[in-house]
Amino acid sequence: MSTLVLPLAAAEGGGGILSVDTTLLWSTIVLFIMFAWVRGKFAWRPLLKIVDEREASIRTSVESAEHAAREAKELLEKHHEMVRAAGREREEILARALKEADQVRGEVVGKARAEAEQVVARARDQIEREKQQAISDLRAQVADVAIEAASRIVKSSMTPEVQKKLVDDYIGSLPRA
């Protein structure tokens, strides 16, 4: 019974549940403003700075990866062009060899056959050497580009030797042209 009477008695005396204590109100407002200022100065700005730095870092990494992908695509296109050029050259060499063989066939058939086989063999050897050289050069360039891109992205999580081995293993697993 005393708990019911106490709030009613307090309400009659001016200190009830619905009365406003102005000192408490102003103290709360001042403390809230101080809390907001301290939070803004020591927590919010540094947190925003960290988020902005992280965003810039990610943006730089993505741009770097896109650049490396463009370079790799360009190198791949150059490789394809070199292979096509080697094919055209091979065809030209074969055509020349056949023409020479036809001219010589009229004179001496046996000598013409031997000469044609030698020309074709040399042409194939030369094409194979040039093709292997082009593939070797391209693989080295792709490995260097891949290592550079990976080192920018991964930074210090792998040593350059491990990165080089991973790239070499990947390139070794590619089908040979």
N, C-alpha and C. Protein backbone atom coordinates (compact mmCIF):
# COMPACT_ATOMS: atom_id res chain seq x y z
N MET A 1 0.81 -1.18 0.00
CA MET A 1 0.00 0.00 0.00
C MET A 1 0.86 1.26 0.00
N SER A 2 2.00 1.20 0.62
CA SER A 2 2.88 2.37 0.66
C SER A 2 3.49 2.66 -0.69
N THR A 3 3.67 1.63 -1.56
CA THR A 3 4.23 1.86 -2.89
C THR A 3 3.23 2.59 -3.78
N LEU A 4 1.94 2.38 -3.58
CA LEU A 4 0.95 3.09 -4.38
C LEU A 4 0.79 4.52 -3.92
N VAL A 5 0.93 4.73 -2.66
CA VAL A 5 0.72 6.06 -2.10
C VAL A 5 1.93 6.94 -2.42
N LEU A 6 3.11 6.36 -2.43
CA LEU A 6 4.33 7.15 -2.62
C LEU A 6 4.36 7.89 -3.95
N PRO A 7 4.05 7.26 -5.10
CA PRO A 7 4.06 8.04 -6.34
C PRO A 7 2.98 9.11 -6.37
N LEU A 8 1.83 8.81 -5.77
CA LEU A 8 0.77 9.80 -5.74
C LEU A 8 1.16 10.97 -4.85
N ALA A 9 1.79 10.64 -3.73
CA ALA A 9 2.21 11.71 -2.83
C ALA A 9 3.30 12.54 -3.48
N ALA A 10 4.18 11.88 -4.23
CA ALA A 10 5.24 12.62 -4.91
C ALA A 10 4.64 13.50 -5.99
N ALA A 11 3.59 13.04 -6.66
CA ALA A 11 2.96 13.82 -7.72
C ALA A 11 2.30 15.05 -7.14
N GLU A 12 1.75 14.97 -5.97
CA GLU A 12 1.11 16.10 -5.35
C GLU A 12 2.14 17.11 -4.89
N GLY A 13 3.32 16.66 -4.49
CA GLY A 13 4.34 17.56 -3.99
C GLY A 13 5.16 18.17 -5.12
N GLY A 14 4.94 17.80 -6.37
CA GLY A 14 5.65 18.40 -7.49
C GLY A 14 6.83 17.56 -7.96
N GLY A 15 7.14 16.44 -7.35
CA GLY A 15 8.29 15.62 -7.77
C GLY A 15 7.84 14.29 -8.30
N GLY A 16 6.73 14.20 -9.00
CA GLY A 16 6.16 12.95 -9.47
C GLY A 16 6.79 12.45 -10.76
N ILE A 17 6.16 11.46 -11.33
CA ILE A 17 6.67 10.80 -12.53
C ILE A 17 6.64 11.75 -13.72
N LEU A 18 5.67 12.59 -13.84
CA LEU A 18 5.53 13.46 -14.99
C LEU A 18 6.20 14.81 -14.83
N SER A 19 6.80 15.07 -13.70
CA SER A 19 7.47 16.37 -13.53
C SER A 19 8.84 16.34 -14.19
N VAL A 20 9.35 17.49 -14.63
CA VAL A 20 10.62 17.60 -15.33
C VAL A 20 11.61 18.30 -14.40
N ASP A 21 12.77 17.61 -14.22
CA ASP A 21 13.84 18.22 -13.41
C ASP A 21 14.77 18.93 -14.40
N THR A 22 14.78 20.25 -14.40
CA THR A 22 15.55 21.03 -15.39
C THR A 22 17.05 20.81 -15.24
N THR A 23 17.56 20.62 -14.06
CA THR A 23 18.99 20.38 -13.88
C THR A 23 19.38 19.07 -14.55
N LEU A 24 18.58 18.04 -14.34
CA LEU A 24 18.84 16.75 -14.97
C LEU A 24 18.73 16.87 -16.49
N LEU A 25 17.75 17.61 -16.99
CA LEU A 25 17.57 17.79 -18.42
C LEU A 25 18.79 18.47 -19.04
N TRP A 26 19.25 19.55 -18.49
CA TRP A 26 20.41 20.28 -19.04
C TRP A 26 21.71 19.47 -18.89
N SER A 27 21.84 18.76 -17.78
CA SER A 27 23.02 17.90 -17.61
C SER A 27 23.05 16.82 -18.68
N THR A 28 21.90 16.24 -18.95
CA THR A 28 21.81 15.19 -19.97
C THR A 28 22.14 15.75 -21.35
N ILE A 29 21.62 16.92 -21.68
CA ILE A 29 21.90 17.55 -22.98
C ILE A 29 23.38 17.86 -23.12
N VAL A 30 23.98 18.43 -22.07
CA VAL A 30 25.42 18.78 -22.11
C VAL A 30 26.26 17.51 -22.25
N LEU A 31 25.93 16.47 -21.49
CA LEU A 31 26.69 15.23 -21.57
C LEU A 31 26.53 14.57 -22.95
N PHE A 32 25.33 14.64 -23.51
CA PHE A 32 25.13 14.07 -24.84
C PHE A 32 25.96 14.83 -25.89
N ILE A 33 25.97 16.15 -25.80
CA ILE A 33 26.76 16.95 -26.74
C ILE A 33 28.25 16.64 -26.58
N MET A 34 28.72 16.52 -25.35
CA MET A 34 30.13 16.18 -25.12
C MET A 34 30.45 14.78 -25.66
N PHE A 35 29.54 13.84 -25.43
CA PHE A 35 29.73 12.49 -25.95
C PHE A 35 29.80 12.48 -27.48
N ALA A 36 28.88 13.22 -28.11
CA ALA A 36 28.88 13.28 -29.57
C ALA A 36 30.17 13.93 -30.09
N TRP A 37 30.62 14.96 -29.44
CA TRP A 37 31.86 15.63 -29.87
C TRP A 37 33.07 14.70 -29.72
N VAL A 38 33.19 14.03 -28.56
CA VAL A 38 34.32 13.11 -28.32
C VAL A 38 34.26 11.96 -29.32
N ARG A 39 33.09 11.41 -29.52
CA ARG A 39 32.96 10.32 -30.49
C ARG A 39 33.33 10.78 -31.90
N GLY A 40 32.88 11.96 -32.27
CA GLY A 40 33.21 12.48 -33.59
C GLY A 40 34.69 12.76 -33.75
N LYS A 41 35.32 13.27 -32.74
CA LYS A 41 36.74 13.63 -32.83
C LYS A 41 37.65 12.40 -32.76
N PHE A 42 37.38 11.50 -31.85
CA PHE A 42 38.31 10.40 -31.60
C PHE A 42 37.88 9.07 -32.21
N ALA A 43 36.67 8.92 -32.63
CA ALA A 43 36.24 7.63 -33.17
C ALA A 43 35.76 7.75 -34.61
N TRP A 44 34.89 8.66 -34.90
CA TRP A 44 34.27 8.71 -36.22
C TRP A 44 35.26 9.11 -37.31
N ARG A 45 36.01 10.20 -37.11
CA ARG A 45 36.96 10.64 -38.15
C ARG A 45 38.04 9.60 -38.43
N PRO A 46 38.69 9.04 -37.41
CA PRO A 46 39.70 8.00 -37.71
C PRO A 46 39.09 6.78 -38.41
N LEU A 47 37.88 6.42 -38.01
CA LEU A 47 37.22 5.29 -38.66
C LEU A 47 36.94 5.59 -40.13
N LEU A 48 36.46 6.79 -40.42
CA LEU A 48 36.24 7.20 -41.81
C LEU A 48 37.54 7.24 -42.58
N LYS A 49 38.61 7.70 -41.94
CA LYS A 49 39.92 7.76 -42.59
C LYS A 49 40.39 6.35 -42.96
N ILE A 50 40.23 5.40 -42.05
CA ILE A 50 40.63 4.01 -42.30
C ILE A 50 39.81 3.42 -43.45
N VAL A 51 38.52 3.69 -43.45
CA VAL A 51 37.65 3.18 -44.52
C VAL A 51 38.06 3.78 -45.86
N ASP A 52 38.34 5.09 -45.89
CA ASP A 52 38.77 5.74 -47.13
C ASP A 52 40.10 5.18 -47.62
N GLU A 53 41.05 4.96 -46.71
CA GLU A 53 42.34 4.40 -47.11
C GLU A 53 42.16 2.99 -47.67
N ARG A 54 41.33 2.20 -47.07
CA ARG A 54 41.08 0.83 -47.53
C ARG A 54 40.43 0.87 -48.92
N GLU A 55 39.48 1.76 -49.09
CA GLU A 55 38.82 1.89 -50.39
C GLU A 55 39.83 2.29 -51.47
N ALA A 56 40.71 3.22 -51.15
CA ALA A 56 41.74 3.65 -52.12
C ALA A 56 42.68 2.49 -52.43
N SER A 57 43.04 1.73 -51.42
CA SER A 57 43.92 0.58 -51.62
C SER A 57 43.27 -0.45 -52.53
N ILE A 58 42.02 -0.75 -52.30
CA ILE A 58 41.30 -1.72 -53.13
C ILE A 58 41.17 -1.19 -54.56
N ARG A 59 40.85 0.09 -54.69
CA ARG A 59 40.72 0.68 -56.01
C ARG A 59 42.05 0.58 -56.77
N THR A 60 43.16 0.88 -56.10
CA THR A 60 44.48 0.79 -56.73
C THR A 60 44.78 -0.65 -57.14
N SER A 61 44.45 -1.60 -56.29
CA SER A 61 44.68 -3.01 -56.61
C SER A 61 43.86 -3.44 -57.82
N VAL A 62 42.62 -3.02 -57.88
CA VAL A 62 41.75 -3.39 -59.00
C VAL A 62 42.28 -2.77 -60.29
N GLU A 63 42.67 -1.49 -60.23
CA GLU A 63 43.22 -0.84 -61.43
C GLU A 63 44.49 -1.53 -61.88
N SER A 64 45.33 -1.90 -60.93
CA SER A 64 46.57 -2.60 -61.27
C SER A 64 46.27 -3.95 -61.92
N ALA A 65 45.31 -4.67 -61.39
CA ALA A 65 44.95 -5.97 -61.95
C ALA A 65 44.36 -5.80 -63.35
N GLU A 66 43.54 -4.77 -63.54
CA GLU A 66 42.97 -4.52 -64.86
C GLU A 66 44.07 -4.18 -65.86
N HIS A 67 45.03 -3.37 -65.42
CA HIS A 67 46.15 -3.00 -66.29
C HIS A 67 46.96 -4.25 -66.67
N ALA A 68 47.23 -5.08 -65.70
CA ALA A 68 47.99 -6.31 -65.96
C ALA A 68 47.21 -7.23 -66.90
N ALA A 69 45.90 -7.29 -66.74
CA ALA A 69 45.08 -8.12 -67.63
C ALA A 69 45.12 -7.58 -69.05
N ARG A 70 45.05 -6.24 -69.19
CA ARG A 70 45.14 -5.66 -70.53
C ARG A 70 46.49 -5.97 -71.17
N GLU A 71 47.57 -5.84 -70.40
CA GLU A 71 48.89 -6.13 -70.93
C GLU A 71 49.00 -7.61 -71.33
N ALA A 72 48.47 -8.48 -70.50
CA ALA A 72 48.52 -9.91 -70.82
C ALA A 72 47.71 -10.20 -72.09
N LYS A 73 46.58 -9.54 -72.23
CA LYS A 73 45.76 -9.73 -73.43
C LYS A 73 46.51 -9.24 -74.66
N GLU A 74 47.17 -8.10 -74.54
CA GLU A 74 47.96 -7.58 -75.66
C GLU A 74 49.09 -8.54 -76.02
N LEU A 75 49.77 -9.06 -75.01
CA LEU A 75 50.85 -10.01 -75.27
C LEU A 75 50.32 -11.28 -75.93
N LEU A 76 49.17 -11.72 -75.49
CA LEU A 76 48.57 -12.92 -76.08
C LEU A 76 48.20 -12.65 -77.54
N GLU A 77 47.66 -11.48 -77.81
CA GLU A 77 47.33 -11.14 -79.20
C GLU A 77 48.60 -11.07 -80.05
N LYS A 78 49.67 -10.51 -79.51
CA LYS A 78 50.94 -10.48 -80.24
C LYS A 78 51.43 -11.90 -80.52
N HIS A 79 51.29 -12.76 -79.54
CA HIS A 79 51.68 -14.16 -79.70
C HIS A 79 50.88 -14.81 -80.83
N HIS A 80 49.56 -14.59 -80.82
CA HIS A 80 48.72 -15.17 -81.87
C HIS A 80 49.13 -14.63 -83.24
N GLU A 81 49.42 -13.35 -83.32
CA GLU A 81 49.85 -12.76 -84.58
C GLU A 81 51.17 -13.36 -85.04
N MET A 82 52.09 -13.57 -84.10
CA MET A 82 53.37 -14.18 -84.44
C MET A 82 53.17 -15.60 -84.95
N VAL A 83 52.27 -16.34 -84.33
CA VAL A 83 51.99 -17.71 -84.77
C VAL A 83 51.37 -17.69 -86.17
N ARG A 84 50.43 -16.74 -86.40
CA ARG A 84 49.82 -16.64 -87.74
C ARG A 84 50.88 -16.25 -88.77
N ALA A 85 51.75 -15.31 -88.39
CA ALA A 85 52.80 -14.90 -89.33
C ALA A 85 53.73 -16.07 -89.63
N ALA A 86 54.06 -16.83 -88.60
CA ALA A 86 54.92 -18.00 -88.81
C ALA A 86 54.21 -19.02 -89.71
N GLY A 87 52.92 -19.16 -89.57
CA GLY A 87 52.15 -20.06 -90.44
C GLY A 87 52.17 -19.57 -91.89
N ARG A 88 51.97 -18.26 -92.07
CA ARG A 88 52.02 -17.71 -93.42
C ARG A 88 53.41 -17.88 -94.02
N GLU A 89 54.41 -17.61 -93.23
CA GLU A 89 55.78 -17.76 -93.71
C GLU A 89 56.06 -19.22 -94.06
N ARG A 90 55.57 -20.11 -93.24
CA ARG A 90 55.75 -21.53 -93.51
C ARG A 90 55.10 -21.90 -94.83
N GLU A 91 53.88 -21.38 -95.02
CA GLU A 91 53.17 -21.65 -96.27
C GLU A 91 53.93 -21.07 -97.46
N GLU A 92 54.47 -19.88 -97.30
CA GLU A 92 55.25 -19.28 -98.39
C GLU A 92 56.50 -20.10 -98.68
N ILE A 93 57.16 -20.52 -97.61
CA ILE A 93 58.37 -21.33 -97.80
C ILE A 93 58.03 -22.65 -98.47
N LEU A 94 56.93 -23.27 -98.04
CA LEU A 94 56.52 -24.52 -98.66
C LEU A 94 56.15 -24.31 -100.13
N ALA A 95 55.48 -23.21 -100.41
CA ALA A 95 55.10 -22.93 -101.80
C ALA A 95 56.34 -22.73 -102.66
N ARG A 96 57.30 -21.98 -102.11
CA ARG A 96 58.55 -21.78 -102.86
C ARG A 96 59.28 -23.10 -103.09
N ALA A 97 59.29 -23.91 -102.06
CA ALA A 97 59.98 -25.19 -102.17
C ALA A 97 59.32 -26.08 -103.23
N LEU A 98 58.00 -26.09 -103.24
CA LEU A 98 57.29 -26.89 -104.24
C LEU A 98 57.53 -26.36 -105.65
N LYS A 99 57.54 -25.06 -105.79
CA LYS A 99 57.79 -24.47 -107.10
C LYS A 99 59.19 -24.83 -107.61
N GLU A 100 60.15 -24.70 -106.71
CA GLU A 100 61.52 -25.08 -107.07
C GLU A 100 61.60 -26.56 -107.43
N ALA A 101 60.88 -27.36 -106.68
CA ALA A 101 60.89 -28.80 -106.93
C ALA A 101 60.29 -29.11 -108.30
N ASP A 102 59.20 -28.40 -108.68
CA ASP A 102 58.60 -28.62 -109.99
C ASP A 102 59.55 -28.22 -111.12
N GLN A 103 60.27 -27.13 -110.92
CA GLN A 103 61.21 -26.68 -111.95
C GLN A 103 62.35 -27.68 -112.14
N VAL A 104 62.84 -28.18 -111.02
CA VAL A 104 63.98 -29.09 -111.08
C VAL A 104 63.53 -30.48 -111.53
N ARG A 105 62.28 -30.85 -111.28
CA ARG A 105 61.77 -32.17 -111.61
C ARG A 105 61.94 -32.46 -113.12
N GLY A 106 61.74 -31.43 -113.90
CA GLY A 106 61.89 -31.63 -115.34
C GLY A 106 63.31 -32.03 -115.70
N GLU A 107 64.28 -31.53 -115.05
CA GLU A 107 65.68 -31.83 -115.35
C GLU A 107 66.09 -33.18 -114.78
N VAL A 108 65.97 -33.27 -113.46
CA VAL A 108 66.39 -34.52 -112.82
C VAL A 108 65.39 -34.80 -111.69
N VAL A 109 64.56 -35.84 -111.85
CA VAL A 109 63.51 -36.15 -110.89
C VAL A 109 64.10 -36.55 -109.54
N GLY A 110 65.05 -37.37 -109.49
CA GLY A 110 65.63 -37.84 -108.23
C GLY A 110 66.30 -36.72 -107.44
N LYS A 111 67.06 -35.89 -108.19
CA LYS A 111 67.74 -34.78 -107.52
C LYS A 111 66.72 -33.79 -107.00
N ALA A 112 65.65 -33.55 -107.74
CA ALA A 112 64.61 -32.61 -107.32
C ALA A 112 63.93 -33.07 -106.03
N ARG A 113 63.64 -34.36 -105.93
CA ARG A 113 62.99 -34.87 -104.72
C ARG A 113 63.88 -34.68 -103.50
N ALA A 114 65.14 -35.00 -103.63
CA ALA A 114 66.06 -34.85 -102.49
C ALA A 114 66.18 -33.38 -102.08
N GLU A 115 66.28 -32.51 -103.08
CA GLU A 115 66.41 -31.09 -102.78
C GLU A 115 65.15 -30.55 -102.12
N ALA A 116 63.98 -30.96 -102.62
CA ALA A 116 62.72 -30.49 -102.05
C ALA A 116 62.58 -30.94 -100.59
N GLU A 117 62.95 -32.17 -100.32
CA GLU A 117 62.88 -32.67 -98.95
C GLU A 117 63.80 -31.88 -98.02
N GLN A 118 64.98 -31.55 -98.52
CA GLN A 118 65.91 -30.76 -97.70
C GLN A 118 65.36 -29.36 -97.44
N VAL A 119 64.79 -28.73 -98.45
CA VAL A 119 64.23 -27.40 -98.28
C VAL A 119 63.08 -27.42 -97.28
N VAL A 120 62.20 -28.41 -97.43
CA VAL A 120 61.05 -28.51 -96.52
C VAL A 120 61.53 -28.78 -95.09
N ALA A 121 62.52 -29.64 -94.95
CA ALA A 121 63.04 -29.96 -93.61
C ALA A 121 63.65 -28.72 -92.96
N ARG A 122 64.45 -27.98 -93.75
CA ARG A 122 65.05 -26.75 -93.21
C ARG A 122 63.97 -25.74 -92.84
N ALA A 123 62.97 -25.62 -93.71
CA ALA A 123 61.89 -24.68 -93.43
C ALA A 123 61.14 -25.06 -92.15
N ARG A 124 60.86 -26.34 -92.01
CA ARG A 124 60.17 -26.78 -90.80
C ARG A 124 61.03 -26.58 -89.56
N ASP A 125 62.30 -26.87 -89.68
CA ASP A 125 63.21 -26.66 -88.54
C ASP A 125 63.26 -25.18 -88.18
N GLN A 126 63.38 -24.34 -89.20
CA GLN A 126 63.45 -22.90 -88.95
C GLN A 126 62.15 -22.40 -88.33
N ILE A 127 61.04 -22.85 -88.86
CA ILE A 127 59.74 -22.45 -88.31
C ILE A 127 59.61 -22.95 -86.88
N GLU A 128 60.01 -24.17 -86.63
CA GLU A 128 59.91 -24.73 -85.28
C GLU A 128 60.79 -23.96 -84.31
N ARG A 129 62.02 -23.64 -84.76
CA ARG A 129 62.91 -22.87 -83.88
C ARG A 129 62.32 -21.49 -83.59
N GLU A 130 61.83 -20.83 -84.64
CA GLU A 130 61.24 -19.50 -84.44
C GLU A 130 59.99 -19.58 -83.58
N LYS A 131 59.20 -20.61 -83.79
CA LYS A 131 57.99 -20.79 -82.99
C LYS A 131 58.36 -21.04 -81.52
N GLN A 132 59.33 -21.90 -81.30
CA GLN A 132 59.76 -22.19 -79.92
C GLN A 132 60.35 -20.94 -79.27
N GLN A 133 61.11 -20.17 -80.05
CA GLN A 133 61.69 -18.93 -79.52
C GLN A 133 60.58 -17.94 -79.17
N ALA A 134 59.59 -17.80 -80.06
CA ALA A 134 58.47 -16.89 -79.80
C ALA A 134 57.69 -17.33 -78.57
N ILE A 135 57.43 -18.63 -78.47
CA ILE A 135 56.70 -19.14 -77.30
C ILE A 135 57.52 -18.94 -76.04
N SER A 136 58.80 -19.18 -76.11
CA SER A 136 59.68 -18.99 -74.94
C SER A 136 59.70 -17.53 -74.51
N ASP A 137 59.85 -16.63 -75.49
CA ASP A 137 59.84 -15.19 -75.17
C ASP A 137 58.52 -14.77 -74.56
N LEU A 138 57.43 -15.24 -75.14
CA LEU A 138 56.12 -14.88 -74.63
C LEU A 138 55.90 -15.42 -73.22
N ARG A 139 56.31 -16.64 -73.00
CA ARG A 139 56.17 -17.22 -71.65
C ARG A 139 56.96 -16.41 -70.62
N ALA A 140 58.15 -16.00 -70.98
CA ALA A 140 58.95 -15.20 -70.06
C ALA A 140 58.28 -13.87 -69.78
N GLN A 141 57.75 -13.23 -70.83
CA GLN A 141 57.08 -11.96 -70.65
C GLN A 141 55.81 -12.12 -69.82
N VAL A 142 55.03 -13.15 -70.10
CA VAL A 142 53.82 -13.39 -69.33
C VAL A 142 54.16 -13.69 -67.88
N ALA A 143 55.22 -14.45 -67.67
CA ALA A 143 55.64 -14.76 -66.29
C ALA A 143 56.02 -13.48 -65.56
N ASP A 144 56.77 -12.61 -66.21
CA ASP A 144 57.16 -11.35 -65.56
C ASP A 144 55.96 -10.47 -65.27
N VAL A 145 55.02 -10.38 -66.22
CA VAL A 145 53.82 -9.57 -66.00
C VAL A 145 52.98 -10.17 -64.88
N ALA A 146 52.84 -11.49 -64.89
CA ALA A 146 52.04 -12.15 -63.85
C ALA A 146 52.69 -11.97 -62.48
N ILE A 147 54.00 -12.07 -62.42
CA ILE A 147 54.70 -11.89 -61.13
C ILE A 147 54.52 -10.46 -60.65
N GLU A 148 54.62 -9.50 -61.55
CA GLU A 148 54.45 -8.10 -61.17
C GLU A 148 53.04 -7.85 -60.65
N ALA A 149 52.04 -8.37 -61.37
CA ALA A 149 50.66 -8.19 -60.93
C ALA A 149 50.42 -8.89 -59.60
N ALA A 150 50.91 -10.10 -59.48
CA ALA A 150 50.72 -10.85 -58.24
C ALA A 150 51.44 -10.18 -57.08
N SER A 151 52.61 -9.63 -57.33
CA SER A 151 53.35 -9.00 -56.24
C SER A 151 52.64 -7.74 -55.76
N ARG A 152 51.97 -7.05 -56.68
CA ARG A 152 51.22 -5.87 -56.25
C ARG A 152 50.00 -6.25 -55.45
N ILE A 153 49.35 -7.34 -55.87
CA ILE A 153 48.13 -7.75 -55.18
C ILE A 153 48.46 -8.43 -53.86
N VAL A 154 49.35 -9.40 -53.90
CA VAL A 154 49.63 -10.21 -52.73
C VAL A 154 50.62 -9.52 -51.80
N LYS A 155 51.48 -8.66 -52.35
CA LYS A 155 52.53 -7.93 -51.64
C LYS A 155 53.46 -8.90 -50.94
N SER A 156 53.43 -9.00 -49.63
CA SER A 156 54.45 -9.76 -48.92
C SER A 156 53.99 -11.13 -48.45
N SER A 157 52.83 -11.60 -48.89
CA SER A 157 52.38 -12.90 -48.42
C SER A 157 53.15 -14.04 -49.06
N MET A 158 53.80 -13.81 -50.22
CA MET A 158 54.62 -14.84 -50.86
C MET A 158 55.94 -14.23 -51.28
N THR A 159 56.98 -15.06 -51.24
CA THR A 159 58.28 -14.60 -51.70
C THR A 159 58.31 -14.59 -53.22
N PRO A 160 59.18 -13.79 -53.82
CA PRO A 160 59.25 -13.77 -55.30
C PRO A 160 59.59 -15.13 -55.88
N GLU A 161 60.38 -15.94 -55.18
CA GLU A 161 60.72 -17.26 -55.70
C GLU A 161 59.48 -18.14 -55.77
N VAL A 162 58.63 -18.09 -54.74
CA VAL A 162 57.41 -18.89 -54.71
C VAL A 162 56.46 -18.40 -55.81
N GLN A 163 56.37 -17.07 -55.97
CA GLN A 163 55.52 -16.51 -57.02
C GLN A 163 56.02 -16.96 -58.38
N LYS A 164 57.33 -16.90 -58.64
CA LYS A 164 57.90 -17.30 -59.92
C LYS A 164 57.60 -18.77 -60.18
N LYS A 165 57.75 -19.62 -59.14
CA LYS A 165 57.48 -21.04 -59.30
C LYS A 165 56.02 -21.28 -59.63
N LEU A 166 55.09 -20.58 -58.94
CA LEU A 166 53.67 -20.73 -59.23
C LEU A 166 53.36 -20.33 -60.68
N VAL A 167 53.91 -19.23 -61.13
CA VAL A 167 53.66 -18.78 -62.50
C VAL A 167 54.27 -19.75 -63.49
N ASP A 168 55.51 -20.22 -63.23
CA ASP A 168 56.14 -21.18 -64.14
C ASP A 168 55.34 -22.48 -64.21
N ASP A 169 54.84 -22.94 -63.05
CA ASP A 169 54.00 -24.15 -63.03
C ASP A 169 52.73 -23.94 -63.84
N TYR A 170 52.12 -22.76 -63.69
CA TYR A 170 50.91 -22.48 -64.45
C TYR A 170 51.20 -22.44 -65.94
N ILE A 171 52.25 -21.75 -66.32
CA ILE A 171 52.60 -21.65 -67.74
C ILE A 171 52.97 -23.03 -68.28
N GLY A 172 53.64 -23.83 -67.49
CA GLY A 172 53.98 -25.18 -67.91
C GLY A 172 52.74 -26.04 -68.12
N SER A 173 51.65 -25.75 -67.40
CA SER A 173 50.44 -26.54 -67.56
C SER A 173 49.61 -26.11 -68.76
N LEU A 174 49.95 -24.98 -69.36
CA LEU A 174 49.22 -24.52 -70.55
C LEU A 174 49.48 -25.45 -71.72
N PRO A 175 48.50 -25.63 -72.60
CA PRO A 175 48.73 -26.50 -73.77
C PRO A 175 49.76 -25.88 -74.70
N ARG A 176 50.60 -26.70 -75.25
CA ARG A 176 51.64 -26.22 -76.16
C ARG A 176 51.03 -25.99 -77.54
N ALA A 177 51.45 -24.86 -78.13
CA ALA A 177 50.90 -24.54 -79.47
C ALA A 177 51.76 -25.14 -80.55
